[in-house]
């Protein structure tokens, strides 16, 4: 059988193993919540970037679409304004959403009509122009309250601005929503006099 020294060595070895396992468990109990917290915070930041990207993409699409309206409205109706309206109504009857084009000559003013701008923005944002589904989607993205859209025309350039507040998805410290603003500038097509 084993001698007394061998038994003591074996007991000492078992005790050291138990201490090592206990320290690993303790380290995991401390590190794991910190890791989870950092992961959730980083995920929340990525969530904000994703939402900003979706809003910016929609703003760019809206600006590009609006920049074509002057060409369509002015060039197709130079000879006869009724022809322009007939062609536009035909084009609008083909598309399901009537908000992707406008017969309104908004580009002759210094500001874009809020109705035209919002209809076009929400049409590109949701694909169907339904404002209720757009508000729901914005809320899911973390946008708090209403989004403020504005557009100005200056020297043939169209500038669109979207201002909104956005909360963090994972907001452990209960911080205030972020004030965000995004801007896009495009040149209007077909206006040689600008």
N, C-alpha and C. Protein backbone atom coordinates (compact mmCIF):
# COMPACT_ATOMS: atom_id res chain seq x y z
N UNK A 1 0.81 -1.17 0.00
CA UNK A 1 0.00 0.00 0.00
C UNK A 1 0.86 1.24 0.00
N UNK A 2 0.17 2.35 0.03
CA UNK A 2 0.84 3.64 -0.01
C UNK A 2 1.32 4.03 1.37
N UNK A 3 2.45 4.69 1.35
CA UNK A 3 2.96 5.18 2.60
C UNK A 3 2.32 6.50 2.98
N UNK A 4 2.65 6.93 4.17
CA UNK A 4 2.08 8.17 4.70
C UNK A 4 2.48 9.37 3.84
N UNK A 5 3.69 9.39 3.37
CA UNK A 5 4.17 10.51 2.53
C UNK A 5 3.41 10.55 1.20
N UNK A 6 3.19 9.40 0.62
CA UNK A 6 2.48 9.34 -0.65
C UNK A 6 1.05 9.84 -0.49
N UNK A 7 0.41 9.46 0.63
CA UNK A 7 -0.96 9.93 0.89
C UNK A 7 -0.99 11.44 1.07
N UNK A 8 0.00 12.00 1.75
CA UNK A 8 0.05 13.44 1.95
C UNK A 8 0.26 14.17 0.62
N UNK A 9 1.14 13.61 -0.20
CA UNK A 9 1.36 14.21 -1.53
C UNK A 9 0.08 14.16 -2.37
N UNK A 10 -0.63 13.04 -2.29
CA UNK A 10 -1.87 12.89 -3.06
C UNK A 10 -2.93 13.88 -2.56
N UNK A 11 -3.08 14.02 -1.26
CA UNK A 11 -4.03 14.97 -0.69
C UNK A 11 -3.65 16.41 -1.06
N UNK A 12 -2.35 16.70 -1.02
CA UNK A 12 -1.87 18.03 -1.39
C UNK A 12 -2.18 18.32 -2.86
N UNK A 13 -1.99 17.30 -3.71
CA UNK A 13 -2.28 17.46 -5.14
C UNK A 13 -3.78 17.70 -5.37
N UNK A 14 -4.64 16.97 -4.68
CA UNK A 14 -6.09 17.13 -4.80
C UNK A 14 -6.53 18.53 -4.35
N UNK A 15 -5.95 18.99 -3.25
CA UNK A 15 -6.28 20.32 -2.74
C UNK A 15 -5.88 21.41 -3.74
N UNK A 16 -4.71 21.27 -4.34
CA UNK A 16 -4.27 22.27 -5.32
C UNK A 16 -5.19 22.27 -6.55
N UNK A 17 -5.64 21.06 -6.95
CA UNK A 17 -6.59 20.99 -8.08
C UNK A 17 -7.91 21.69 -7.73
N UNK A 18 -8.40 21.46 -6.54
CA UNK A 18 -9.65 22.10 -6.12
C UNK A 18 -9.50 23.61 -6.05
N UNK A 19 -8.37 24.11 -5.56
CA UNK A 19 -8.13 25.55 -5.50
C UNK A 19 -8.06 26.15 -6.91
N UNK A 20 -7.43 25.43 -7.80
CA UNK A 20 -7.30 25.92 -9.19
C UNK A 20 -8.67 25.99 -9.85
N UNK A 21 -9.48 24.96 -9.67
CA UNK A 21 -10.84 24.96 -10.24
C UNK A 21 -11.67 26.10 -9.65
N UNK A 22 -11.53 26.33 -8.37
CA UNK A 22 -12.28 27.40 -7.72
C UNK A 22 -11.85 28.76 -8.24
N UNK A 23 -10.56 28.94 -8.50
CA UNK A 23 -10.11 30.24 -9.02
C UNK A 23 -10.58 30.45 -10.45
N UNK A 24 -10.63 29.39 -11.26
CA UNK A 24 -11.15 29.51 -12.63
C UNK A 24 -12.62 29.89 -12.59
N UNK A 25 -13.38 29.28 -11.70
CA UNK A 25 -14.80 29.59 -11.56
C UNK A 25 -14.99 31.03 -11.12
N UNK A 26 -14.18 31.47 -10.19
CA UNK A 26 -14.27 32.85 -9.70
C UNK A 26 -13.92 33.84 -10.81
N UNK A 27 -12.87 33.56 -11.56
CA UNK A 27 -12.48 34.43 -12.68
C UNK A 27 -13.59 34.50 -13.72
N UNK A 28 -14.18 33.35 -14.02
CA UNK A 28 -15.27 33.33 -15.00
C UNK A 28 -16.47 34.11 -14.50
N UNK A 29 -16.75 34.01 -13.21
CA UNK A 29 -17.89 34.74 -12.63
C UNK A 29 -17.67 36.25 -12.70
N UNK A 30 -16.43 36.68 -12.67
CA UNK A 30 -16.13 38.11 -12.76
C UNK A 30 -16.06 38.57 -14.22
N UNK A 31 -15.37 37.83 -15.06
CA UNK A 31 -15.10 38.23 -16.44
C UNK A 31 -16.34 38.09 -17.34
N UNK A 32 -17.11 37.06 -17.17
CA UNK A 32 -18.25 36.80 -18.05
C UNK A 32 -19.27 37.94 -18.07
N UNK A 33 -19.71 38.47 -16.94
CA UNK A 33 -20.64 39.61 -16.99
C UNK A 33 -20.04 40.85 -17.65
N UNK A 34 -18.74 41.09 -17.41
CA UNK A 34 -18.08 42.23 -18.05
C UNK A 34 -18.05 42.03 -19.56
N UNK A 35 -17.71 40.83 -19.99
CA UNK A 35 -17.68 40.53 -21.43
C UNK A 35 -19.07 40.70 -22.05
N UNK A 36 -20.09 40.18 -21.38
CA UNK A 36 -21.47 40.32 -21.89
C UNK A 36 -21.89 41.78 -21.99
N UNK A 37 -21.56 42.57 -20.96
CA UNK A 37 -21.89 43.99 -20.96
C UNK A 37 -21.21 44.70 -22.14
N UNK A 38 -19.92 44.45 -22.35
CA UNK A 38 -19.20 45.08 -23.46
C UNK A 38 -19.76 44.64 -24.81
N UNK A 39 -20.10 43.37 -24.91
CA UNK A 39 -20.68 42.87 -26.16
C UNK A 39 -22.02 43.54 -26.45
N UNK A 40 -22.86 43.68 -25.45
CA UNK A 40 -24.16 44.32 -25.63
C UNK A 40 -24.00 45.81 -25.98
N UNK A 41 -23.06 46.48 -25.33
CA UNK A 41 -22.81 47.89 -25.63
C UNK A 41 -22.31 48.06 -27.05
N UNK A 42 -21.39 47.21 -27.48
CA UNK A 42 -20.88 47.27 -28.85
C UNK A 42 -21.99 46.97 -29.85
N UNK A 43 -22.83 46.01 -29.53
CA UNK A 43 -23.96 45.69 -30.39
C UNK A 43 -24.90 46.89 -30.52
N UNK A 44 -25.11 47.62 -29.42
CA UNK A 44 -25.95 48.82 -29.45
C UNK A 44 -25.38 49.90 -30.35
N UNK A 45 -24.06 50.06 -30.34
CA UNK A 45 -23.41 51.05 -31.21
C UNK A 45 -23.58 50.63 -32.67
N UNK A 46 -23.41 49.35 -32.96
CA UNK A 46 -23.60 48.88 -34.33
C UNK A 46 -25.05 49.08 -34.77
N UNK A 47 -25.98 48.94 -33.85
CA UNK A 47 -27.39 49.16 -34.14
C UNK A 47 -27.62 50.61 -34.57
N UNK A 48 -26.99 51.56 -33.89
CA UNK A 48 -27.11 52.98 -34.25
C UNK A 48 -26.52 53.22 -35.64
N UNK A 49 -25.35 52.65 -35.92
CA UNK A 49 -24.73 52.81 -37.24
C UNK A 49 -25.60 52.22 -38.34
N UNK A 50 -26.21 51.08 -38.08
CA UNK A 50 -27.09 50.46 -39.06
C UNK A 50 -28.29 51.34 -39.36
N UNK A 51 -28.89 51.91 -38.33
CA UNK A 51 -30.04 52.78 -38.52
C UNK A 51 -29.65 54.03 -39.29
N UNK A 52 -28.50 54.62 -38.95
CA UNK A 52 -28.03 55.80 -39.68
C UNK A 52 -27.79 55.46 -41.14
N UNK A 53 -27.26 54.30 -41.40
CA UNK A 53 -27.00 53.88 -42.78
C UNK A 53 -28.31 53.74 -43.55
N UNK A 54 -29.34 53.18 -42.94
CA UNK A 54 -30.62 53.04 -43.62
C UNK A 54 -31.26 54.40 -43.92
N UNK A 55 -31.18 55.31 -42.96
CA UNK A 55 -31.74 56.64 -43.17
C UNK A 55 -30.96 57.37 -44.26
N UNK A 56 -29.63 57.28 -44.22
CA UNK A 56 -28.80 57.97 -45.22
C UNK A 56 -29.05 57.41 -46.62
N UNK A 57 -29.15 56.10 -46.73
CA UNK A 57 -29.42 55.49 -48.03
C UNK A 57 -30.76 55.98 -48.59
N UNK A 58 -31.77 56.03 -47.73
CA UNK A 58 -33.08 56.51 -48.16
C UNK A 58 -33.01 57.98 -48.55
N UNK A 59 -32.26 58.77 -47.82
CA UNK A 59 -32.11 60.20 -48.13
C UNK A 59 -31.43 60.40 -49.48
N UNK A 60 -30.41 59.59 -49.77
CA UNK A 60 -29.72 59.68 -51.06
C UNK A 60 -30.66 59.28 -52.19
N UNK A 61 -31.41 58.19 -52.01
CA UNK A 61 -32.37 57.76 -53.03
C UNK A 61 -33.43 58.83 -53.26
N UNK A 62 -33.91 59.44 -52.20
CA UNK A 62 -34.91 60.50 -52.30
C UNK A 62 -34.36 61.69 -53.06
N UNK A 63 -33.14 62.11 -52.72
CA UNK A 63 -32.51 63.25 -53.40
C UNK A 63 -32.31 62.97 -54.88
N UNK A 64 -31.83 61.78 -55.20
CA UNK A 64 -31.62 61.43 -56.61
C UNK A 64 -32.94 61.41 -57.37
N UNK A 65 -33.97 60.89 -56.75
CA UNK A 65 -35.29 60.85 -57.39
C UNK A 65 -35.85 62.26 -57.59
N UNK A 66 -35.76 63.08 -56.54
CA UNK A 66 -36.27 64.45 -56.64
C UNK A 66 -35.49 65.27 -57.67
N UNK A 67 -34.21 64.97 -57.84
CA UNK A 67 -33.40 65.74 -58.79
C UNK A 67 -33.85 65.53 -60.23
N UNK A 68 -34.59 64.47 -60.50
CA UNK A 68 -35.09 64.20 -61.85
C UNK A 68 -36.42 64.88 -62.15
N UNK A 69 -37.15 65.28 -61.12
CA UNK A 69 -38.46 65.90 -61.31
C UNK A 69 -38.43 67.14 -62.21
N UNK A 70 -37.48 68.06 -62.02
CA UNK A 70 -37.49 69.25 -62.89
C UNK A 70 -37.34 68.89 -64.37
N UNK A 71 -36.48 67.94 -64.66
CA UNK A 71 -36.30 67.53 -66.06
C UNK A 71 -37.60 66.95 -66.62
N UNK A 72 -38.21 66.07 -65.84
CA UNK A 72 -39.46 65.44 -66.27
C UNK A 72 -40.56 66.47 -66.41
N UNK A 73 -40.69 67.36 -65.43
CA UNK A 73 -41.78 68.34 -65.44
C UNK A 73 -41.57 69.43 -66.48
N UNK A 74 -40.35 69.87 -66.67
CA UNK A 74 -40.07 71.00 -67.58
C UNK A 74 -39.87 70.54 -69.02
N UNK A 75 -39.08 69.51 -69.24
CA UNK A 75 -38.72 69.12 -70.60
C UNK A 75 -39.84 68.42 -71.34
N UNK A 76 -40.65 67.64 -70.64
CA UNK A 76 -41.73 66.95 -71.35
C UNK A 76 -42.91 67.87 -71.60
N UNK A 77 -42.96 69.01 -70.92
CA UNK A 77 -44.10 69.90 -71.08
C UNK A 77 -43.74 71.24 -71.70
N UNK A 78 -42.59 71.32 -72.41
CA UNK A 78 -42.17 72.59 -72.99
C UNK A 78 -43.18 73.06 -74.03
N UNK A 79 -43.57 72.18 -74.91
CA UNK A 79 -44.50 72.56 -75.98
C UNK A 79 -45.94 72.64 -75.48
N UNK A 80 -46.33 71.67 -74.70
CA UNK A 80 -47.71 71.59 -74.26
C UNK A 80 -47.76 71.02 -72.84
N UNK A 81 -48.16 71.83 -71.84
CA UNK A 81 -48.21 71.33 -70.46
C UNK A 81 -49.14 70.15 -70.28
N UNK A 82 -50.19 70.06 -71.10
CA UNK A 82 -51.12 68.94 -70.98
C UNK A 82 -50.46 67.61 -71.34
N UNK A 83 -49.53 67.65 -72.30
CA UNK A 83 -48.80 66.44 -72.68
C UNK A 83 -47.97 65.95 -71.49
N UNK A 84 -47.34 66.88 -70.80
CA UNK A 84 -46.54 66.53 -69.63
C UNK A 84 -47.40 65.83 -68.59
N UNK A 85 -48.56 66.38 -68.31
CA UNK A 85 -49.45 65.79 -67.30
C UNK A 85 -49.92 64.41 -67.75
N UNK A 86 -50.24 64.25 -69.04
CA UNK A 86 -50.68 62.95 -69.54
C UNK A 86 -49.56 61.92 -69.40
N UNK A 87 -48.33 62.30 -69.80
CA UNK A 87 -47.20 61.38 -69.69
C UNK A 87 -46.91 61.02 -68.23
N UNK A 88 -46.98 62.00 -67.37
CA UNK A 88 -46.71 61.74 -65.95
C UNK A 88 -47.80 60.85 -65.34
N UNK A 89 -49.03 61.11 -65.69
CA UNK A 89 -50.11 60.26 -65.17
C UNK A 89 -49.97 58.83 -65.68
N UNK A 90 -49.52 58.66 -66.94
CA UNK A 90 -49.28 57.32 -67.48
C UNK A 90 -48.17 56.63 -66.69
N UNK A 91 -47.08 57.36 -66.46
CA UNK A 91 -45.95 56.81 -65.71
C UNK A 91 -46.38 56.45 -64.30
N UNK A 92 -47.18 57.30 -63.68
CA UNK A 92 -47.63 57.06 -62.32
C UNK A 92 -48.64 55.92 -62.24
N UNK A 93 -49.38 55.67 -63.33
CA UNK A 93 -50.33 54.55 -63.32
C UNK A 93 -49.60 53.22 -63.39
N UNK A 94 -48.38 53.23 -63.94
CA UNK A 94 -47.60 52.00 -64.03
C UNK A 94 -47.06 51.61 -62.65
N UNK A 95 -46.58 52.59 -61.90
CA UNK A 95 -46.04 52.30 -60.57
C UNK A 95 -47.18 52.18 -59.57
N UNK A 96 -47.01 51.34 -58.59
CA UNK A 96 -48.05 51.15 -57.58
C UNK A 96 -48.12 52.33 -56.63
N UNK A 97 -46.98 52.92 -56.32
CA UNK A 97 -46.93 54.04 -55.38
C UNK A 97 -46.81 55.33 -56.18
N UNK A 98 -47.73 56.23 -55.99
CA UNK A 98 -47.75 57.49 -56.74
C UNK A 98 -46.75 58.51 -56.19
N UNK A 99 -46.02 58.15 -55.15
CA UNK A 99 -45.12 59.09 -54.51
C UNK A 99 -43.73 59.12 -55.11
N UNK A 100 -43.43 58.26 -56.07
CA UNK A 100 -42.10 58.21 -56.66
C UNK A 100 -41.88 59.28 -57.73
N UNK A 101 -42.92 60.02 -58.06
CA UNK A 101 -42.80 61.16 -58.98
C UNK A 101 -43.83 62.19 -58.57
N UNK A 102 -43.62 63.43 -59.04
CA UNK A 102 -44.53 64.50 -58.66
C UNK A 102 -44.77 65.42 -59.85
N UNK A 103 -46.03 65.77 -60.07
CA UNK A 103 -46.35 66.73 -61.12
C UNK A 103 -46.21 68.16 -60.60
N UNK A 104 -45.96 68.30 -59.31
CA UNK A 104 -45.81 69.63 -58.71
C UNK A 104 -44.45 70.23 -59.09
N UNK A 105 -44.41 71.51 -59.42
CA UNK A 105 -43.15 72.19 -59.75
C UNK A 105 -42.52 72.77 -58.50
N UNK A 106 -42.20 71.92 -57.56
CA UNK A 106 -41.63 72.33 -56.28
C UNK A 106 -40.26 72.97 -56.45
N UNK A 107 -39.55 72.63 -57.53
CA UNK A 107 -38.18 73.11 -57.73
C UNK A 107 -38.11 74.61 -58.06
N UNK A 108 -39.25 75.22 -58.34
CA UNK A 108 -39.26 76.66 -58.63
C UNK A 108 -39.27 77.49 -57.35
N UNK A 109 -39.44 76.87 -56.22
CA UNK A 109 -39.43 77.55 -54.92
C UNK A 109 -38.06 77.36 -54.26
N UNK A 110 -37.84 78.08 -53.17
CA UNK A 110 -36.58 77.92 -52.44
C UNK A 110 -36.61 76.71 -51.51
N UNK A 111 -37.79 76.25 -51.15
CA UNK A 111 -37.90 75.09 -50.28
C UNK A 111 -38.75 74.02 -50.96
N UNK A 112 -38.48 72.79 -50.63
CA UNK A 112 -39.26 71.67 -51.18
C UNK A 112 -40.51 71.52 -50.33
N UNK A 113 -41.61 71.33 -50.98
CA UNK A 113 -42.88 71.12 -50.27
C UNK A 113 -42.73 69.90 -49.36
N UNK A 114 -43.15 70.06 -48.11
CA UNK A 114 -42.98 68.97 -47.14
C UNK A 114 -43.77 67.73 -47.55
N UNK A 115 -44.91 67.93 -48.19
CA UNK A 115 -45.70 66.78 -48.63
C UNK A 115 -44.96 65.96 -49.67
N UNK A 116 -44.37 66.62 -50.67
CA UNK A 116 -43.62 65.92 -51.72
C UNK A 116 -42.41 65.22 -51.11
N UNK A 117 -41.68 65.93 -50.26
CA UNK A 117 -40.47 65.38 -49.66
C UNK A 117 -40.78 64.18 -48.77
N UNK A 118 -41.75 64.31 -47.88
CA UNK A 118 -42.08 63.20 -46.99
C UNK A 118 -42.63 62.01 -47.75
N UNK A 119 -43.51 62.25 -48.73
CA UNK A 119 -44.05 61.14 -49.51
C UNK A 119 -42.93 60.38 -50.22
N UNK A 120 -42.00 61.11 -50.82
CA UNK A 120 -40.91 60.46 -51.55
C UNK A 120 -39.99 59.71 -50.59
N UNK A 121 -39.65 60.35 -49.46
CA UNK A 121 -38.75 59.71 -48.49
C UNK A 121 -39.36 58.43 -47.95
N UNK A 122 -40.62 58.48 -47.51
CA UNK A 122 -41.24 57.30 -46.92
C UNK A 122 -41.50 56.22 -47.97
N UNK A 123 -41.69 56.62 -49.23
CA UNK A 123 -41.85 55.62 -50.29
C UNK A 123 -40.56 54.83 -50.48
N UNK A 124 -39.44 55.53 -50.46
CA UNK A 124 -38.17 54.82 -50.59
C UNK A 124 -37.81 54.07 -49.31
N UNK A 125 -38.21 54.58 -48.17
CA UNK A 125 -37.87 53.95 -46.89
C UNK A 125 -38.58 52.62 -46.70
N UNK A 126 -39.85 52.57 -47.08
CA UNK A 126 -40.62 51.34 -46.87
C UNK A 126 -40.87 50.57 -48.15
N UNK A 127 -40.79 51.24 -49.29
CA UNK A 127 -41.08 50.58 -50.55
C UNK A 127 -42.53 50.68 -50.97
N UNK A 128 -43.40 51.09 -50.03
CA UNK A 128 -44.82 51.18 -50.38
C UNK A 128 -45.43 52.54 -50.05
N UNK A 129 -44.66 53.43 -49.43
CA UNK A 129 -45.14 54.77 -49.13
C UNK A 129 -46.08 54.86 -47.95
N UNK A 130 -46.29 53.77 -47.26
CA UNK A 130 -47.20 53.76 -46.11
C UNK A 130 -46.50 54.44 -44.93
N UNK A 131 -47.02 55.59 -44.52
CA UNK A 131 -46.38 56.34 -43.44
C UNK A 131 -46.45 55.60 -42.11
N UNK A 132 -47.51 54.89 -41.87
CA UNK A 132 -47.63 54.15 -40.62
C UNK A 132 -46.55 53.07 -40.52
N UNK A 133 -46.33 52.34 -41.61
CA UNK A 133 -45.28 51.32 -41.58
C UNK A 133 -43.90 51.98 -41.49
N UNK A 134 -43.74 53.18 -42.07
CA UNK A 134 -42.47 53.90 -41.95
C UNK A 134 -42.21 54.33 -40.52
N UNK A 135 -43.24 54.85 -39.85
CA UNK A 135 -43.09 55.24 -38.45
C UNK A 135 -42.76 54.02 -37.57
N UNK A 136 -43.41 52.90 -37.87
CA UNK A 136 -43.15 51.67 -37.12
C UNK A 136 -41.71 51.21 -37.33
N UNK A 137 -41.25 51.27 -38.57
CA UNK A 137 -39.88 50.85 -38.87
C UNK A 137 -38.87 51.79 -38.19
N UNK A 138 -39.14 53.09 -38.23
CA UNK A 138 -38.25 54.05 -37.56
C UNK A 138 -38.20 53.79 -36.06
N UNK A 139 -39.34 53.48 -35.48
CA UNK A 139 -39.39 53.21 -34.04
C UNK A 139 -38.58 51.96 -33.71
N UNK A 140 -38.67 50.93 -34.55
CA UNK A 140 -37.89 49.71 -34.34
C UNK A 140 -36.40 49.99 -34.45
N UNK A 141 -36.03 50.95 -35.29
CA UNK A 141 -34.62 51.31 -35.43
C UNK A 141 -34.11 52.12 -34.24
N UNK A 142 -35.04 52.65 -33.44
CA UNK A 142 -34.64 53.42 -32.27
C UNK A 142 -34.86 54.91 -32.40
N UNK A 143 -35.51 55.35 -33.47
CA UNK A 143 -35.80 56.77 -33.65
C UNK A 143 -36.91 57.16 -32.69
N UNK A 144 -36.66 58.22 -31.94
CA UNK A 144 -37.60 58.70 -30.94
C UNK A 144 -38.33 59.91 -31.50
N UNK A 145 -39.64 59.92 -31.44
CA UNK A 145 -40.41 61.06 -31.95
C UNK A 145 -40.46 61.06 -33.47
N UNK A 146 -40.75 62.23 -34.02
CA UNK A 146 -40.86 62.38 -35.47
C UNK A 146 -39.53 62.78 -36.08
N UNK A 147 -39.34 62.35 -37.31
CA UNK A 147 -38.17 62.75 -38.07
C UNK A 147 -38.50 64.06 -38.79
N UNK A 148 -37.60 65.02 -38.71
CA UNK A 148 -37.80 66.31 -39.36
C UNK A 148 -37.06 66.31 -40.69
N UNK A 149 -37.81 66.40 -41.79
CA UNK A 149 -37.22 66.42 -43.13
C UNK A 149 -37.38 67.81 -43.71
N UNK A 150 -36.31 68.32 -44.31
CA UNK A 150 -36.40 69.63 -44.97
C UNK A 150 -35.56 69.60 -46.25
N UNK A 151 -35.96 70.41 -47.19
CA UNK A 151 -35.25 70.49 -48.46
C UNK A 151 -35.22 71.92 -48.96
N UNK A 152 -34.06 72.34 -49.47
CA UNK A 152 -33.92 73.68 -50.03
C UNK A 152 -33.33 73.59 -51.42
N UNK A 153 -33.69 74.57 -52.25
CA UNK A 153 -33.16 74.67 -53.61
C UNK A 153 -32.38 75.98 -53.70
N UNK A 154 -31.12 75.88 -54.15
CA UNK A 154 -30.27 77.06 -54.26
C UNK A 154 -29.34 76.89 -55.46
N UNK A 155 -29.45 77.77 -56.46
CA UNK A 155 -28.60 77.74 -57.66
C UNK A 155 -28.63 76.38 -58.35
N UNK A 156 -29.79 75.78 -58.43
CA UNK A 156 -29.93 74.50 -59.11
C UNK A 156 -29.49 73.30 -58.29
N UNK A 157 -29.14 73.52 -57.05
CA UNK A 157 -28.75 72.42 -56.17
C UNK A 157 -29.86 72.16 -55.15
N UNK A 158 -30.13 70.90 -54.92
CA UNK A 158 -31.12 70.49 -53.93
C UNK A 158 -30.38 69.94 -52.72
N UNK A 159 -30.70 70.48 -51.54
CA UNK A 159 -30.10 70.01 -50.29
C UNK A 159 -31.21 69.46 -49.41
N UNK A 160 -31.08 68.18 -49.03
CA UNK A 160 -32.05 67.55 -48.14
C UNK A 160 -31.39 67.30 -46.79
N UNK A 161 -32.15 67.56 -45.72
CA UNK A 161 -31.64 67.35 -44.37
C UNK A 161 -32.67 66.53 -43.59
N UNK A 162 -32.16 65.50 -42.90
CA UNK A 162 -33.00 64.70 -42.00
C UNK A 162 -32.46 64.87 -40.59
N UNK A 163 -33.31 65.34 -39.68
CA UNK A 163 -32.93 65.50 -38.27
C UNK A 163 -33.85 64.61 -37.44
N UNK A 164 -33.23 63.89 -36.51
CA UNK A 164 -34.00 62.99 -35.67
C UNK A 164 -33.23 62.67 -34.40
N UNK A 165 -33.93 62.11 -33.43
CA UNK A 165 -33.32 61.67 -32.18
C UNK A 165 -33.36 60.15 -32.16
N UNK A 166 -32.27 59.58 -31.66
CA UNK A 166 -32.18 58.13 -31.64
C UNK A 166 -31.67 57.64 -30.30
N UNK A 167 -32.34 56.65 -29.78
CA UNK A 167 -31.92 56.08 -28.50
C UNK A 167 -31.06 54.84 -28.77
N UNK A 168 -30.22 54.52 -27.78
CA UNK A 168 -29.42 53.31 -27.87
C UNK A 168 -30.28 52.10 -27.59
N UNK A 169 -30.01 51.02 -28.29
CA UNK A 169 -30.75 49.78 -28.08
C UNK A 169 -30.45 49.22 -26.70
N UNK A 170 -29.20 49.28 -26.28
CA UNK A 170 -28.79 48.80 -24.96
C UNK A 170 -28.30 50.03 -24.20
N UNK A 171 -29.15 50.58 -23.35
CA UNK A 171 -28.87 51.84 -22.68
C UNK A 171 -28.83 51.62 -21.16
N UNK A 172 -27.74 51.03 -20.70
CA UNK A 172 -27.61 50.70 -19.29
C UNK A 172 -27.55 51.94 -18.42
N UNK A 173 -26.92 53.01 -18.92
CA UNK A 173 -26.73 54.22 -18.11
C UNK A 173 -27.83 55.25 -18.31
N UNK A 174 -28.88 54.89 -19.04
CA UNK A 174 -30.04 55.76 -19.24
C UNK A 174 -29.65 57.13 -19.80
N UNK A 175 -28.82 57.13 -20.84
CA UNK A 175 -28.41 58.38 -21.47
C UNK A 175 -29.54 58.93 -22.33
N UNK A 176 -29.48 60.21 -22.60
CA UNK A 176 -30.47 60.88 -23.45
C UNK A 176 -30.30 60.39 -24.90
N UNK A 177 -31.38 60.44 -25.69
CA UNK A 177 -31.25 60.07 -27.11
C UNK A 177 -30.26 60.98 -27.83
N UNK A 178 -29.61 60.43 -28.84
CA UNK A 178 -28.65 61.18 -29.64
C UNK A 178 -29.39 62.10 -30.61
N UNK A 179 -28.92 63.35 -30.76
CA UNK A 179 -29.43 64.25 -31.80
C UNK A 179 -28.61 64.00 -33.05
N UNK A 180 -29.26 63.48 -34.09
CA UNK A 180 -28.55 63.15 -35.32
C UNK A 180 -29.09 64.00 -36.48
N UNK A 181 -28.20 64.32 -37.40
CA UNK A 181 -28.57 65.09 -38.58
C UNK A 181 -27.76 64.56 -39.76
N UNK A 182 -28.45 64.33 -40.86
CA UNK A 182 -27.78 63.85 -42.07
C UNK A 182 -28.19 64.74 -43.23
N UNK A 183 -27.23 65.01 -44.12
CA UNK A 183 -27.46 65.96 -45.21
C UNK A 183 -26.98 65.37 -46.53
N UNK A 184 -27.75 65.65 -47.59
CA UNK A 184 -27.41 65.22 -48.94
C UNK A 184 -27.60 66.40 -49.87
N UNK A 185 -26.67 66.55 -50.82
CA UNK A 185 -26.79 67.64 -51.80
C UNK A 185 -26.60 67.06 -53.20
N UNK A 186 -27.55 67.38 -54.10
CA UNK A 186 -27.50 66.93 -55.49
C UNK A 186 -27.84 68.10 -56.41
N UNK A 187 -27.46 67.97 -57.65
CA UNK A 187 -27.81 69.01 -58.63
C UNK A 187 -29.08 68.59 -59.36
N UNK A 188 -29.97 69.55 -59.59
CA UNK A 188 -31.23 69.27 -60.30
C UNK A 188 -30.95 69.14 -61.79
N UNK A 189 -31.57 68.17 -62.41
CA UNK A 189 -31.37 67.91 -63.83
C UNK A 189 -32.24 68.83 -64.68
N UNK A 190 -31.70 69.23 -65.82
CA UNK A 190 -32.48 69.89 -66.86
C UNK A 190 -32.83 71.33 -66.62
N UNK A 191 -32.15 72.01 -65.70
CA UNK A 191 -32.43 73.41 -65.46
C UNK A 191 -31.22 74.25 -65.88
N UNK A 192 -31.15 74.58 -67.16
CA UNK A 192 -30.02 75.32 -67.69
C UNK A 192 -29.97 76.76 -67.18
N UNK A 193 -31.13 77.28 -66.79
CA UNK A 193 -31.17 78.69 -66.35
C UNK A 193 -30.67 78.86 -64.92
N UNK A 194 -30.32 77.79 -64.25
CA UNK A 194 -29.78 77.91 -62.88
C UNK A 194 -28.28 77.98 -62.91
